[in-house]
Amino acid sequence: MFDIKYSKQAVKFLKSLDKNLVSRILAKIETLRDEPIQHDSKRVEGYNEKLFRVRVGDYRILYEVCHKVNVISIVKIDKRSKAY
């Protein structure tokens, strides 16, 4: 099981969203805890090889996986048009 760490940007963005959307995003993040690289996870091209993204509606969750210390770092959460 992986620990999850949130960046300041991710926390700030979550606080600005509607509660229903926040619960959907957090539910998706919790599924990453057991299996960080899922069937709908995609590697973000042009960045380091540990950066992945998953989709929740029009939003993207960008995260890094560190298998050595079992940590998932939520780097950024944003709308698709602004996430990359």
PDB file of N, CA and C in Angstrom:
ATOM      1  N   MET A   1       0.841  -1.178   0.000  1.00  0.00           N
ATOM      2  CA  MET A   1       0.000   0.000   0.000  1.00  0.00           C
ATOM      3  C   MET A   1       0.892   1.249   0.000  1.00  0.00           C
ATOM      4  N   PHE A   2       0.508   2.221  -0.793  1.00  0.00           N
ATOM      5  CA  PHE A   2       1.283   3.445  -0.950  1.00  0.00           C
ATOM      6  C   PHE A   2       0.716   4.568  -0.087  1.00  0.00           C
ATOM      7  N   ASP A   3       1.604   5.420   0.412  1.00  0.00           N
ATOM      8  CA  ASP A   3       1.183   6.654   1.068  1.00  0.00           C
ATOM      9  C   ASP A   3       0.940   7.693  -0.013  1.00  0.00           C
ATOM     10  N   ILE A   4       0.070   8.652   0.276  1.00  0.00           N
ATOM     11  CA  ILE A   4      -0.236   9.698  -0.693  1.00  0.00           C
ATOM     12  C   ILE A   4       0.137  11.046  -0.108  1.00  0.00           C
ATOM     13  N   LYS A   5       0.912  11.813  -0.871  1.00  0.00           N
ATOM     14  CA  LYS A   5       1.320  13.164  -0.481  1.00  0.00           C
ATOM     15  C   LYS A   5       0.745  14.134  -1.510  1.00  0.00           C
ATOM     16  N   TYR A   6       0.246  15.268  -1.033  1.00  0.00           N
ATOM     17  CA  TYR A   6      -0.365  16.271  -1.902  1.00  0.00           C
ATOM     18  C   TYR A   6       0.509  17.513  -1.979  1.00  0.00           C
ATOM     19  N   SER A   7       0.647  18.063  -3.181  1.00  0.00           N
ATOM     20  CA  SER A   7       1.359  19.336  -3.337  1.00  0.00           C
ATOM     21  C   SER A   7       0.448  20.464  -2.851  1.00  0.00           C
ATOM     22  N   LYS A   8       1.033  21.626  -2.612  1.00  0.00           N
ATOM     23  CA  LYS A   8       0.247  22.788  -2.187  1.00  0.00           C
ATOM     24  C   LYS A   8      -0.780  23.154  -3.250  1.00  0.00           C
ATOM     25  N   GLN A   9      -0.381  23.065  -4.531  1.00  0.00           N
ATOM     26  CA  GLN A   9      -1.297  23.397  -5.624  1.00  0.00           C
ATOM     27  C   GLN A   9      -2.500  22.464  -5.609  1.00  0.00           C
ATOM     28  N   ALA A  10      -2.263  21.186  -5.398  1.00  0.00           N
ATOM     29  CA  ALA A  10      -3.350  20.210  -5.405  1.00  0.00           C
ATOM     30  C   ALA A  10      -4.340  20.485  -4.276  1.00  0.00           C
ATOM     31  N   VAL A  11      -3.837  20.775  -3.094  1.00  0.00           N
ATOM     32  CA  VAL A  11      -4.704  21.065  -1.946  1.00  0.00           C
ATOM     33  C   VAL A  11      -5.510  22.331  -2.206  1.00  0.00           C
ATOM     34  N   LYS A  12      -4.851  23.359  -2.694  1.00  0.00           N
ATOM     35  CA  LYS A  12      -5.520  24.632  -2.974  1.00  0.00           C
ATOM     36  C   LYS A  12      -6.609  24.442  -4.032  1.00  0.00           C
ATOM     37  N   PHE A  13      -6.313  23.686  -5.069  1.00  0.00           N
ATOM     38  CA  PHE A  13      -7.288  23.455  -6.129  1.00  0.00           C
ATOM     39  C   PHE A  13      -8.485  22.664  -5.609  1.00  0.00           C
ATOM     40  N   LEU A  14      -8.244  21.645  -4.799  1.00  0.00           N
ATOM     41  CA  LEU A  14      -9.347  20.859  -4.242  1.00  0.00           C
ATOM     42  C   LEU A  14     -10.270  21.717  -3.378  1.00  0.00           C
ATOM     43  N   LYS A  15      -9.699  22.654  -2.639  1.00  0.00           N
ATOM     44  CA  LYS A  15     -10.510  23.531  -1.788  1.00  0.00           C
ATOM     45  C   LYS A  15     -11.419  24.443  -2.598  1.00  0.00           C
ATOM     46  N   SER A  16     -11.059  24.697  -3.853  1.00  0.00           N
ATOM     47  CA  SER A  16     -11.848  25.608  -4.685  1.00  0.00           C
ATOM     48  C   SER A  16     -12.990  24.907  -5.426  1.00  0.00           C
ATOM     49  N   LEU A  17     -13.054  23.598  -5.351  1.00  0.00           N
ATOM     50  CA  LEU A  17     -14.036  22.834  -6.126  1.00  0.00           C
ATOM     51  C   LEU A  17     -15.298  22.525  -5.335  1.00  0.00           C
ATOM     52  N   ASP A  18     -16.331  22.149  -6.060  1.00  0.00           N
ATOM     53  CA  ASP A  18     -17.589  21.682  -5.501  1.00  0.00           C
ATOM     54  C   ASP A  18     -17.355  20.376  -4.724  1.00  0.00           C
ATOM     55  N   LYS A  19     -18.079  20.185  -3.646  1.00  0.00           N
ATOM     56  CA  LYS A  19     -17.875  19.010  -2.788  1.00  0.00           C
ATOM     57  C   LYS A  19     -18.079  17.686  -3.525  1.00  0.00           C
ATOM     58  N   ASN A  20     -19.059  17.630  -4.422  1.00  0.00           N
ATOM     59  CA  ASN A  20     -19.293  16.387  -5.174  1.00  0.00           C
ATOM     60  C   ASN A  20     -18.099  16.037  -6.045  1.00  0.00           C
ATOM     61  N   LEU A  21     -17.536  17.043  -6.696  1.00  0.00           N
ATOM     62  CA  LEU A  21     -16.376  16.816  -7.552  1.00  0.00           C
ATOM     63  C   LEU A  21     -15.153  16.432  -6.721  1.00  0.00           C
ATOM     64  N   VAL A  22     -14.992  17.075  -5.576  1.00  0.00           N
ATOM     65  CA  VAL A  22     -13.876  16.740  -4.681  1.00  0.00           C
ATOM     66  C   VAL A  22     -13.980  15.282  -4.245  1.00  0.00           C
ATOM     67  N   SER A  23     -15.170  14.837  -3.908  1.00  0.00           N
ATOM     68  CA  SER A  23     -15.317  13.445  -3.463  1.00  0.00           C
ATOM     69  C   SER A  23     -15.009  12.468  -4.599  1.00  0.00           C
ATOM     70  N   ARG A  24     -15.368  12.803  -5.842  1.00  0.00           N
ATOM     71  CA  ARG A  24     -15.029  11.944  -6.983  1.00  0.00           C
ATOM     72  C   ARG A  24     -13.525  11.881  -7.196  1.00  0.00           C
ATOM     73  N   ILE A  25     -12.867  13.037  -7.098  1.00  0.00           N
ATOM     74  CA  ILE A  25     -11.415  13.086  -7.295  1.00  0.00           C
ATOM     75  C   ILE A  25     -10.700  12.319  -6.187  1.00  0.00           C
ATOM     76  N   LEU A  26     -11.116  12.540  -4.944  1.00  0.00           N
ATOM     77  CA  LEU A  26     -10.474  11.841  -3.823  1.00  0.00           C
ATOM     78  C   LEU A  26     -10.708  10.334  -3.887  1.00  0.00           C
ATOM     79  N   ALA A  27     -11.878   9.928  -4.352  1.00  0.00           N
ATOM     80  CA  ALA A  27     -12.150   8.493  -4.507  1.00  0.00           C
ATOM     81  C   ALA A  27     -11.203   7.880  -5.534  1.00  0.00           C
ATOM     82  N   LYS A  28     -10.958   8.594  -6.625  1.00  0.00           N
ATOM     83  CA  LYS A  28     -10.027   8.100  -7.644  1.00  0.00           C
ATOM     84  C   LYS A  28      -8.613   8.017  -7.080  1.00  0.00           C
ATOM     85  N   ILE A  29      -8.209   9.041  -6.320  1.00  0.00           N
ATOM     86  CA  ILE A  29      -6.875   9.041  -5.720  1.00  0.00           C
ATOM     87  C   ILE A  29      -6.727   7.866  -4.754  1.00  0.00           C
ATOM     88  N   GLU A  30      -7.762   7.565  -4.004  1.00  0.00           N
ATOM     89  CA  GLU A  30      -7.699   6.438  -3.067  1.00  0.00           C
ATOM     90  C   GLU A  30      -7.510   5.104  -3.791  1.00  0.00           C
ATOM     91  N   THR A  31      -8.050   4.982  -4.995  1.00  0.00           N
ATOM     92  CA  THR A  31      -7.847   3.731  -5.740  1.00  0.00           C
ATOM     93  C   THR A  31      -6.389   3.567  -6.152  1.00  0.00           C
ATOM     94  N   LEU A  32      -5.665   4.679  -6.263  1.00  0.00           N
ATOM     95  CA  LEU A  32      -4.246   4.614  -6.620  1.00  0.00           C
ATOM     96  C   LEU A  32      -3.405   4.029  -5.488  1.00  0.00           C
ATOM     97  N   ARG A  33      -3.897   4.138  -4.264  1.00  0.00           N
ATOM     98  CA  ARG A  33      -3.152   3.678  -3.089  1.00  0.00           C
ATOM     99  C   ARG A  33      -2.764   2.198  -3.210  1.00  0.00           C
ATOM    100  N   ASP A  34      -3.670   1.364  -3.701  1.00  0.00           N
ATOM    101  CA  ASP A  34      -3.399  -0.069  -3.831  1.00  0.00           C
ATOM    102  C   ASP A  34      -2.727  -0.427  -5.152  1.00  0.00           C
ATOM    103  N   GLU A  35      -3.080   0.288  -6.199  1.00  0.00           N
ATOM    104  CA  GLU A  35      -2.532   0.003  -7.530  1.00  0.00           C
ATOM    105  C   GLU A  35      -2.229   1.331  -8.229  1.00  0.00           C
ATOM    106  N   PRO A  36      -1.021   1.867  -8.055  1.00  0.00           N
ATOM    107  CA  PRO A  36      -0.717   3.213  -8.554  1.00  0.00           C
ATOM    108  C   PRO A  36      -0.704   3.360 -10.071  1.00  0.00           C
ATOM    109  N   ILE A  37      -0.430   2.285 -10.787  1.00  0.00           N
ATOM    110  CA  ILE A  37      -0.445   2.367 -12.246  1.00  0.00           C
ATOM    111  C   ILE A  37      -1.583   1.471 -12.724  1.00  0.00           C
ATOM    112  N   GLN A  38      -2.721   2.105 -13.002  1.00  0.00           N
ATOM    113  CA  GLN A  38      -3.931   1.386 -13.356  1.00  0.00           C
ATOM    114  C   GLN A  38      -4.118   1.337 -14.864  1.00  0.00           C
ATOM    115  N   HIS A  39      -5.151   0.637 -15.293  1.00  0.00           N
ATOM    116  CA  HIS A  39      -5.418   0.507 -16.729  1.00  0.00           C
ATOM    117  C   HIS A  39      -5.723   1.848 -17.384  1.00  0.00           C
ATOM    118  N   ASP A  40      -6.266   2.804 -16.635  1.00  0.00           N
ATOM    119  CA  ASP A  40      -6.570   4.115 -17.213  1.00  0.00           C
ATOM    120  C   ASP A  40      -5.504   5.167 -16.903  1.00  0.00           C
ATOM    121  N   SER A  41      -4.412   4.763 -16.264  1.00  0.00           N
ATOM    122  CA  SER A  41      -3.281   5.671 -16.023  1.00  0.00           C
ATOM    123  C   SER A  41      -2.453   5.763 -17.289  1.00  0.00           C
ATOM    124  N   LYS A  42      -1.999   6.972 -17.572  1.00  0.00           N
ATOM    125  CA  LYS A  42      -1.142   7.150 -18.746  1.00  0.00           C
ATOM    126  C   LYS A  42       0.099   7.919 -18.337  1.00  0.00           C
ATOM    127  N   ARG A  43       1.213   7.527 -18.909  1.00  0.00           N
ATOM    128  CA  ARG A  43       2.469   8.232 -18.665  1.00  0.00           C
ATOM    129  C   ARG A  43       2.397   9.577 -19.381  1.00  0.00           C
ATOM    130  N   VAL A  44       2.839  10.637 -18.705  1.00  0.00           N
ATOM    131  CA  VAL A  44       2.837  11.968 -19.306  1.00  0.00           C
ATOM    132  C   VAL A  44       4.122  12.115 -20.107  1.00  0.00           C
ATOM    133  N   GLU A  45       3.982  12.266 -21.401  1.00  0.00           N
ATOM    134  CA  GLU A  45       5.150  12.368 -22.279  1.00  0.00           C
ATOM    135  C   GLU A  45       5.805  13.732 -22.141  1.00  0.00           C
ATOM    136  N   GLY A  46       7.126  13.752 -22.272  1.00  0.00           N
ATOM    137  CA  GLY A  46       7.866  15.000 -22.192  1.00  0.00           C
ATOM    138  C   GLY A  46       8.293  15.365 -20.782  1.00  0.00           C
ATOM    139  N   TYR A  47       7.925  14.544 -19.813  1.00  0.00           N
ATOM    140  CA  TYR A  47       8.311  14.754 -18.420  1.00  0.00           C
ATOM    141  C   TYR A  47       9.097  13.531 -17.971  1.00  0.00           C
ATOM    142  N   ASN A  48       9.415  13.475 -16.684  1.00  0.00           N
ATOM    143  CA  ASN A  48      10.172  12.305 -16.230  1.00  0.00           C
ATOM    144  C   ASN A  48       9.318  11.041 -16.327  1.00  0.00           C
ATOM    145  N   GLU A  49       9.973   9.912 -16.311  1.00  0.00           N
ATOM    146  CA  GLU A  49       9.277   8.645 -16.535  1.00  0.00           C
ATOM    147  C   GLU A  49       8.385   8.216 -15.381  1.00  0.00           C
ATOM    148  N   LYS A  50       8.422   8.912 -14.261  1.00  0.00           N
ATOM    149  CA  LYS A  50       7.598   8.554 -13.111  1.00  0.00           C
ATOM    150  C   LYS A  50       6.291   9.342 -13.051  1.00  0.00           C
ATOM    151  N   LEU A  51       6.057  10.263 -13.997  1.00  0.00           N
ATOM    152  CA  LEU A  51       4.870  11.114 -13.971  1.00  0.00           C
ATOM    153  C   LEU A  51       3.743  10.473 -14.781  1.00  0.00           C
ATOM    154  N   PHE A  52       2.605  10.291 -14.111  1.00  0.00           N
ATOM    155  CA  PHE A  52       1.428   9.694 -14.726  1.00  0.00           C
ATOM    156  C   PHE A  52       0.241  10.626 -14.563  1.00  0.00           C
ATOM    157  N   ARG A  53      -0.830  10.294 -15.294  1.00  0.00           N
ATOM    158  CA  ARG A  53      -2.057  11.052 -15.132  1.00  0.00           C
ATOM    159  C   ARG A  53      -3.246  10.117 -15.218  1.00  0.00           C
ATOM    160  N   VAL A  54      -4.302  10.498 -14.501  1.00  0.00           N
ATOM    161  CA  VAL A  54      -5.593   9.825 -14.607  1.00  0.00           C
ATOM    162  C   VAL A  54      -6.656  10.898 -14.790  1.00  0.00           C
ATOM    163  N   ARG A  55      -7.748  10.484 -15.367  1.00  0.00           N
ATOM    164  CA  ARG A  55      -8.839  11.385 -15.689  1.00  0.00           C
ATOM    165  C   ARG A  55      -9.990  11.219 -14.717  1.00  0.00           C
ATOM    166  N   VAL A  56     -10.587  12.351 -14.332  1.00  0.00           N
ATOM    167  CA  VAL A  56     -11.854  12.348 -13.606  1.00  0.00           C
ATOM    168  C   VAL A  56     -12.705  13.412 -14.290  1.00  0.00           C
ATOM    169  N   GLY A  57     -13.550  13.004 -15.211  1.00  0.00           N
ATOM    170  CA  GLY A  57     -14.335  13.956 -15.996  1.00  0.00           C
ATOM    171  C   GLY A  57     -13.413  14.840 -16.822  1.00  0.00           C
ATOM    172  N   ASP A  58     -13.582  16.162 -16.687  1.00  0.00           N
ATOM    173  CA  ASP A  58     -12.745  17.126 -17.413  1.00  0.00           C
ATOM    174  C   ASP A  58     -11.456  17.444 -16.674  1.00  0.00           C
ATOM    175  N   TYR A  59     -11.211  16.801 -15.556  1.00  0.00           N
ATOM    176  CA  TYR A  59     -10.049  17.102 -14.721  1.00  0.00           C
ATOM    177  C   TYR A  59      -8.984  16.025 -14.865  1.00  0.00           C
ATOM    178  N   ARG A  60      -7.743  16.438 -14.639  1.00  0.00           N
ATOM    179  CA  ARG A  60      -6.613  15.520 -14.691  1.00  0.00           C
ATOM    180  C   ARG A  60      -5.882  15.555 -13.358  1.00  0.00           C
ATOM    181  N   ILE A  61      -5.481  14.390 -12.895  1.00  0.00           N
ATOM    182  CA  ILE A  61      -4.661  14.259 -11.694  1.00  0.00           C
ATOM    183  C   ILE A  61      -3.285  13.826 -12.174  1.00  0.00           C
ATOM    184  N   LEU A  62      -2.285  14.670 -11.965  1.00  0.00           N
ATOM    185  CA  LEU A  62      -0.908  14.338 -12.334  1.00  0.00           C
ATOM    186  C   LEU A  62      -0.198  13.869 -11.076  1.00  0.00           C
ATOM    187  N   TYR A  63       0.469  12.729 -11.158  1.00  0.00           N
ATOM    188  CA  TYR A  63       1.113  12.177  -9.967  1.00  0.00           C
ATOM    189  C   TYR A  63       2.384  11.429 -10.326  1.00  0.00           C
ATOM    190  N   GLU A  64       3.276  11.370  -9.346  1.00  0.00           N
ATOM    191  CA  GLU A  64       4.527  10.624  -9.478  1.00  0.00           C
ATOM    192  C   GLU A  64       4.480   9.432  -8.541  1.00  0.00           C
ATOM    193  N   VAL A  65       5.059   8.331  -8.983  1.00  0.00           N
ATOM    194  CA  VAL A  65       5.103   7.114  -8.176  1.00  0.00           C
ATOM    195  C   VAL A  65       6.550   6.827  -7.815  1.00  0.00           C
ATOM    196  N   CYS A  66       6.813   6.659  -6.521  1.00  0.00           N
ATOM    197  CA  CYS A  66       8.145   6.274  -6.064  1.00  0.00           C
ATOM    198  C   CYS A  66       8.016   4.905  -5.388  1.00  0.00           C
ATOM    199  N   HIS A  67       8.400   3.868  -6.111  1.00  0.00           N
ATOM    200  CA  HIS A  67       8.254   2.499  -5.608  1.00  0.00           C
ATOM    201  C   HIS A  67       9.226   2.189  -4.473  1.00  0.00           C
ATOM    202  N   LYS A  68      10.352   2.877  -4.424  1.00  0.00           N
ATOM    203  CA  LYS A  68      11.352   2.595  -3.382  1.00  0.00           C
ATOM    204  C   LYS A  68      10.820   2.875  -1.988  1.00  0.00           C
ATOM    205  N   VAL A  69      10.045   3.957  -1.846  1.00  0.00           N
ATOM    206  CA  VAL A  69       9.526   4.328  -0.523  1.00  0.00           C
ATOM    207  C   VAL A  69       8.002   4.229  -0.456  1.00  0.00           C
ATOM    208  N   ASN A  70       7.389   3.641  -1.498  1.00  0.00           N
ATOM    209  CA  ASN A  70       5.932   3.464  -1.556  1.00  0.00           C
ATOM    210  C   ASN A  70       5.164   4.763  -1.321  1.00  0.00           C
ATOM    211  N   VAL A  71       5.477   5.771  -2.128  1.00  0.00           N
ATOM    212  CA  VAL A  71       4.812   7.069  -2.019  1.00  0.00           C
ATOM    213  C   VAL A  71       4.288   7.492  -3.388  1.00  0.00           C
ATOM    214  N   ILE A  72       3.064   7.987  -3.382  1.00  0.00           N
ATOM    215  CA  ILE A  72       2.484   8.626  -4.560  1.00  0.00           C
ATOM    216  C   ILE A  72       2.390  10.106  -4.237  1.00  0.00           C
ATOM    217  N   SER A  73       3.005  10.931  -5.068  1.00  0.00           N
ATOM    218  CA  SER A  73       2.953  12.383  -4.884  1.00  0.00           C
ATOM    219  C   SER A  73       1.979  12.962  -5.892  1.00  0.00           C
ATOM    220  N   ILE A  74       0.908  13.559  -5.384  1.00  0.00           N
ATOM    221  CA  ILE A  74      -0.053  14.229  -6.260  1.00  0.00           C
ATOM    222  C   ILE A  74       0.553  15.582  -6.600  1.00  0.00           C
ATOM    223  N   VAL A  75       1.020  15.724  -7.823  1.00  0.00           N
ATOM    224  CA  VAL A  75       1.750  16.910  -8.250  1.00  0.00           C
ATOM    225  C   VAL A  75       0.796  18.043  -8.587  1.00  0.00           C
ATOM    226  N   LYS A  76      -0.262  17.723  -9.341  1.00  0.00           N
ATOM    227  CA  LYS A  76      -1.168  18.772  -9.801  1.00  0.00           C
ATOM    228  C   LYS A  76      -2.535  18.179 -10.093  1.00  0.00           C
ATOM    229  N   ILE A  77      -3.572  18.957  -9.802  1.00  0.00           N
ATOM    230  CA  ILE A  77      -4.935  18.626 -10.193  1.00  0.00           C
ATOM    231  C   ILE A  77      -5.472  19.868 -10.882  1.00  0.00           C
ATOM    232  N   ASP A  78      -5.983  19.701 -12.092  1.00  0.00           N
ATOM    233  CA  ASP A  78      -6.473  20.869 -12.826  1.00  0.00           C
ATOM    234  C   ASP A  78      -7.348  20.408 -13.985  1.00  0.00           C
ATOM    235  N   LYS A  79      -8.008  21.370 -14.625  1.00  0.00           N
ATOM    236  CA  LYS A  79      -8.757  21.061 -15.836  1.00  0.00           C
ATOM    237  C   LYS A  79      -7.780  20.641 -16.919  1.00  0.00           C
ATOM    238  N   ARG A  80      -8.248  19.865 -17.850  1.00  0.00           N
ATOM    239  CA  ARG A  80      -7.380  19.339 -18.895  1.00  0.00           C
ATOM    240  C   ARG A  80      -6.639  20.441 -19.629  1.00  0.00           C
ATOM    241  N   SER A  81      -7.318  21.536 -19.935  1.00  0.00           N
ATOM    242  CA  SER A  81      -6.705  22.618 -20.714  1.00  0.00           C
ATOM    243  C   SER A  81      -5.556  23.301 -19.987  1.00  0.00           C
ATOM    244  N   LYS A  82      -5.519  23.185 -18.656  1.00  0.00           N
ATOM    245  CA  LYS A  82      -4.482  23.858 -17.867  1.00  0.00           C
ATOM    246  C   LYS A  82      -3.501  22.898 -17.209  1.00  0.00           C
ATOM    247  N   ALA A  83      -3.763  21.615 -17.285  1.00  0.00           N
ATOM    248  CA  ALA A  83      -2.979  20.646 -16.517  1.00  0.00           C
ATOM    249  C   ALA A  83      -1.576  20.420 -17.044  1.00  0.00           C
ATOM    250  N   TYR A  84      -1.363  20.611 -18.343  1.00  0.00           N
ATOM    251  CA  TYR A  84      -0.075  20.221 -18.915  1.00  0.00           C
ATOM    252  C   TYR A  84       0.826  21.386 -19.161  1.00  0.00           C
TER     253      TYR A  84
END
